[in-house]
């Protein structure tokens, strides 16, 4: 069984610290066997979060506060118009963290295909990318943690958010690539709620690989 929780979108967006507390509570329950694997969908109010590998020069240039997160990866932004997904899932043994990241990428690539977007992976870089090879833009970022065999954190998919916050950081530590949104790619407005049915279907199809 795989459970899906929409914790808060749009005007009901969830502050990052509250979302982290929710993740931890669900994580404890999944570890103990009290609840099934769970995917949490939400939006956050505007916030920068820094993974463990974030370098000082990659942090905001405008003095904006940053929350240090206990996930892999580097610095990124979360905010209105971006769908954040936190899969809290027990991985089969032996735990394959890279394989799990590739699986998340595949779920998002398949979901984007339903919107007419050809997403792809870039060797040596996590996340999902679009655009011509050599001038790729990142459309989804991934940063995870695995504790006691159960995942935390997850993905951030740009739907109809502003890209201005990325001007103040080196997003994901990558200096030679840009960022984009689904709405920019398809030429009309696509909001986070629009993506949930497709991503949910892709998770259900892939769940047997996780479990």
Protein backbone atom coordinates (compact mmCIF):
# COMPACT_ATOMS: atom_id res chain seq x y z
CA UNK A 1 0.00 0.00 0.00
CA UNK A 2 1.15 3.52 -0.83
CA UNK A 3 -0.47 6.54 0.80
CA UNK A 4 -0.61 10.07 -0.61
CA UNK A 5 -1.07 13.21 1.49
CA UNK A 6 -1.65 16.72 0.14
CA UNK A 7 -0.47 18.74 3.12
CA UNK A 8 -1.07 22.23 1.74
CA UNK A 9 -1.05 24.06 -1.58
CA UNK A 10 -1.40 27.67 -2.70
CA UNK A 11 -2.89 29.82 0.10
CA UNK A 12 -2.51 26.85 2.46
CA UNK A 13 1.21 26.40 1.78
CA UNK A 14 3.23 24.85 4.59
CA UNK A 15 6.19 26.69 6.17
CA UNK A 16 9.38 24.72 5.63
CA UNK A 17 10.03 24.00 9.30
CA UNK A 18 6.46 22.69 9.74
CA UNK A 19 6.89 20.54 6.67
CA UNK A 20 10.11 19.14 8.10
CA UNK A 21 8.35 18.30 11.37
CA UNK A 22 5.62 16.53 9.39
CA UNK A 23 8.23 14.57 7.45
CA UNK A 24 9.93 13.47 10.64
CA UNK A 25 6.66 12.37 12.23
CA UNK A 26 5.68 10.35 9.14
CA UNK A 27 9.21 8.95 8.91
CA UNK A 28 9.02 7.66 12.49
CA UNK A 29 5.69 6.00 11.74
CA UNK A 30 6.94 4.35 8.55
CA UNK A 31 10.11 3.12 10.31
CA UNK A 32 8.02 1.61 13.12
CA UNK A 33 5.56 0.03 10.70
CA UNK A 34 2.62 2.06 12.04
CA UNK A 35 1.82 3.52 8.62
CA UNK A 36 2.49 2.60 4.98
CA UNK A 37 4.96 4.28 2.67
CA UNK A 38 3.70 7.83 2.17
CA UNK A 39 4.24 10.59 -0.38
CA UNK A 40 3.60 14.12 0.90
CA UNK A 41 2.76 16.86 -1.61
CA UNK A 42 2.88 20.54 -0.67
CA UNK A 43 4.02 24.04 -1.47
CA UNK A 44 6.25 26.10 0.80
CA UNK A 45 6.30 29.86 1.31
CA UNK A 46 9.45 31.34 -0.18
CA UNK A 47 12.58 29.93 1.49
CA UNK A 48 16.14 28.93 0.68
CA UNK A 49 17.39 25.60 1.99
CA UNK A 50 20.97 24.37 1.94
CA UNK A 51 22.02 20.74 1.75
CA UNK A 52 25.13 19.37 3.36
CA UNK A 53 27.43 20.11 0.42
CA UNK A 54 26.54 23.81 0.04
CA UNK A 55 29.61 26.06 -0.27
CA UNK A 56 29.63 29.57 1.27
CA UNK A 57 29.80 31.30 -2.11
CA UNK A 58 26.65 29.47 -3.28
CA UNK A 59 24.46 31.08 -0.63
CA UNK A 60 22.20 34.12 -1.32
CA UNK A 61 23.90 37.31 -2.40
CA UNK A 62 21.14 39.49 -0.95
CA UNK A 63 21.39 38.48 2.70
CA UNK A 64 18.26 36.31 2.65
CA UNK A 65 18.21 33.77 5.50
CA UNK A 66 18.88 30.14 4.67
CA UNK A 67 17.64 27.03 6.47
CA UNK A 68 20.31 24.33 6.68
CA UNK A 69 18.66 21.01 5.81
CA UNK A 70 19.73 17.46 6.68
CA UNK A 71 19.55 16.29 3.06
CA UNK A 72 22.09 15.71 0.36
CA UNK A 73 22.77 18.20 -2.39
CA UNK A 74 23.40 21.90 -2.30
CA UNK A 75 21.33 25.08 -2.04
CA UNK A 76 17.94 25.52 -3.63
CA UNK A 77 14.79 27.59 -3.35
CA UNK A 78 11.24 26.58 -2.48
CA UNK A 79 8.22 28.79 -2.88
CA UNK A 80 4.79 29.48 -4.37
CA UNK A 81 4.16 27.78 -7.69
CA UNK A 82 6.60 24.96 -7.04
CA UNK A 83 5.34 21.45 -6.23
CA UNK A 84 7.40 19.80 -3.51
CA UNK A 85 7.16 16.06 -2.97
CA UNK A 86 8.46 14.22 0.09
CA UNK A 87 8.36 10.45 -0.42
CA UNK A 88 8.72 8.70 2.94
CA UNK A 89 9.38 5.17 1.72
CA UNK A 90 11.20 2.08 2.92
CA UNK A 91 13.82 1.00 0.40
CA UNK A 92 14.55 -2.66 -0.22
CA UNK A 93 17.89 -4.08 0.92
CA UNK A 94 20.61 -3.47 -0.02
CA UNK A 95 19.75 0.23 -0.10
CA UNK A 96 20.66 1.80 -3.43
CA UNK A 97 20.56 5.57 -2.94
CA UNK A 98 21.66 6.42 -6.48
CA UNK A 99 19.11 4.02 -7.90
CA UNK A 100 16.40 5.69 -5.81
CA UNK A 101 17.34 9.14 -7.14
CA UNK A 102 17.26 7.79 -10.70
CA UNK A 103 13.81 6.33 -10.00
CA UNK A 104 12.51 9.71 -8.77
CA UNK A 105 13.88 11.34 -11.89
CA UNK A 106 12.12 8.74 -14.01
CA UNK A 107 8.79 9.36 -12.26
CA UNK A 108 9.03 13.09 -12.95
CA UNK A 109 10.17 12.58 -16.55
CA UNK A 110 7.18 10.32 -17.19
CA UNK A 111 4.80 12.79 -15.53
CA UNK A 112 6.16 15.69 -17.61
CA UNK A 113 5.67 13.72 -20.79
CA UNK A 114 1.91 13.93 -20.22
CA UNK A 115 2.23 17.73 -20.48
CA UNK A 116 4.16 17.53 -23.73
CA UNK A 117 7.54 18.16 -22.08
CA UNK A 118 10.57 16.02 -22.91
CA UNK A 119 12.50 15.92 -19.67
CA UNK A 120 15.80 14.09 -19.40
CA UNK A 121 18.76 13.35 -17.15
CA UNK A 122 22.14 15.03 -17.48
CA UNK A 123 25.10 12.75 -16.68
CA UNK A 124 26.77 13.71 -13.43
CA UNK A 125 23.91 15.98 -12.35
CA UNK A 126 20.80 15.03 -10.43
CA UNK A 127 17.31 16.29 -11.22
CA UNK A 128 15.31 16.65 -14.42
CA UNK A 129 16.33 18.90 -17.29
CA UNK A 130 14.73 20.31 -20.44
CA UNK A 131 15.90 22.19 -23.51
CA UNK A 132 18.61 21.68 -26.11
CA UNK A 133 21.64 19.63 -25.12
CA UNK A 134 24.47 21.87 -23.98
CA UNK A 135 22.03 24.64 -22.95
CA UNK A 136 19.85 22.67 -20.55
CA UNK A 137 17.60 24.25 -17.93
CA UNK A 138 16.73 22.48 -14.72
CA UNK A 139 13.00 22.00 -14.17
CA UNK A 140 13.12 19.73 -11.10
CA UNK A 141 15.64 19.44 -8.28
CA UNK A 142 16.16 16.36 -6.11
CA UNK A 143 17.75 16.11 -2.68
CA UNK A 144 17.21 13.17 -0.36
CA UNK A 145 18.18 11.53 2.90
CA UNK A 146 17.86 7.89 3.92
CA UNK A 147 17.67 7.05 7.64
CA UNK A 148 16.95 3.57 9.01
CA UNK A 149 16.28 2.44 5.48
CA UNK A 150 13.47 4.97 4.95
CA UNK A 151 13.70 8.02 2.68
CA UNK A 152 13.11 11.69 3.51
CA UNK A 153 13.08 14.94 1.52
CA UNK A 154 12.60 14.45 -2.22
CA UNK A 155 11.90 16.66 -5.22
CA UNK A 156 10.94 20.24 -6.11
CA UNK A 157 9.23 20.68 -9.48
CA UNK A 158 8.94 24.18 -10.95
CA UNK A 159 5.37 24.65 -12.18
CA UNK A 160 4.41 28.35 -12.41
CA UNK A 161 6.76 29.91 -9.87
CA UNK A 162 8.86 33.03 -10.31
CA UNK A 163 12.48 32.40 -11.26
CA UNK A 164 13.70 35.63 -9.66
CA UNK A 165 14.77 33.93 -6.38
CA UNK A 166 17.30 31.87 -8.32
CA UNK A 167 19.10 35.07 -9.34
CA UNK A 168 20.52 35.34 -5.81
CA UNK A 169 22.04 31.86 -5.43
CA UNK A 170 24.05 29.33 -7.39
CA UNK A 171 21.20 26.87 -7.57
CA UNK A 172 22.29 23.31 -6.76
CA UNK A 173 25.89 24.54 -7.07
CA UNK A 174 25.64 24.62 -10.88
CA UNK A 175 27.05 27.76 -12.48
CA UNK A 176 26.70 26.89 -16.16
CA UNK A 177 22.98 26.07 -16.47
CA UNK A 178 19.67 27.81 -15.97
CA UNK A 179 16.30 26.99 -14.44
CA UNK A 180 12.85 27.00 -15.96
CA UNK A 181 9.22 26.09 -15.22
CA UNK A 182 6.56 23.88 -16.76
CA UNK A 183 4.46 26.97 -17.58
CA UNK A 184 7.34 28.58 -19.46
CA UNK A 185 7.98 25.36 -21.34
CA UNK A 186 4.40 24.83 -22.54
CA UNK A 187 3.35 28.47 -22.94
CA UNK A 188 0.38 28.44 -20.58
CA UNK A 189 -0.23 28.36 -16.84
CA UNK A 190 0.25 25.03 -15.08
CA UNK A 191 -0.03 25.03 -11.30
CA UNK A 192 1.25 22.50 -8.75
CA UNK A 193 -2.16 20.88 -8.21
CA UNK A 194 -2.27 20.04 -11.93
CA UNK A 195 0.76 17.75 -11.56
CA UNK A 196 -0.38 15.70 -8.56
CA UNK A 197 -2.62 13.19 -10.42
CA UNK A 198 0.08 12.37 -12.96
CA UNK A 199 2.89 12.07 -10.40
CA UNK A 200 0.65 9.97 -8.14
CA UNK A 201 -0.03 7.56 -11.01
CA UNK A 202 3.69 7.29 -11.78
CA UNK A 203 4.52 6.58 -8.11
CA UNK A 204 1.89 3.84 -8.00
CA UNK A 205 3.31 2.26 -11.15
CA UNK A 206 6.86 2.38 -9.75
CA UNK A 207 6.07 1.40 -6.15
CA UNK A 208 6.93 -2.26 -6.62
CA UNK A 209 10.49 -1.17 -7.42
CA UNK A 210 10.74 0.71 -4.10
CA UNK A 211 9.15 -1.90 -1.85
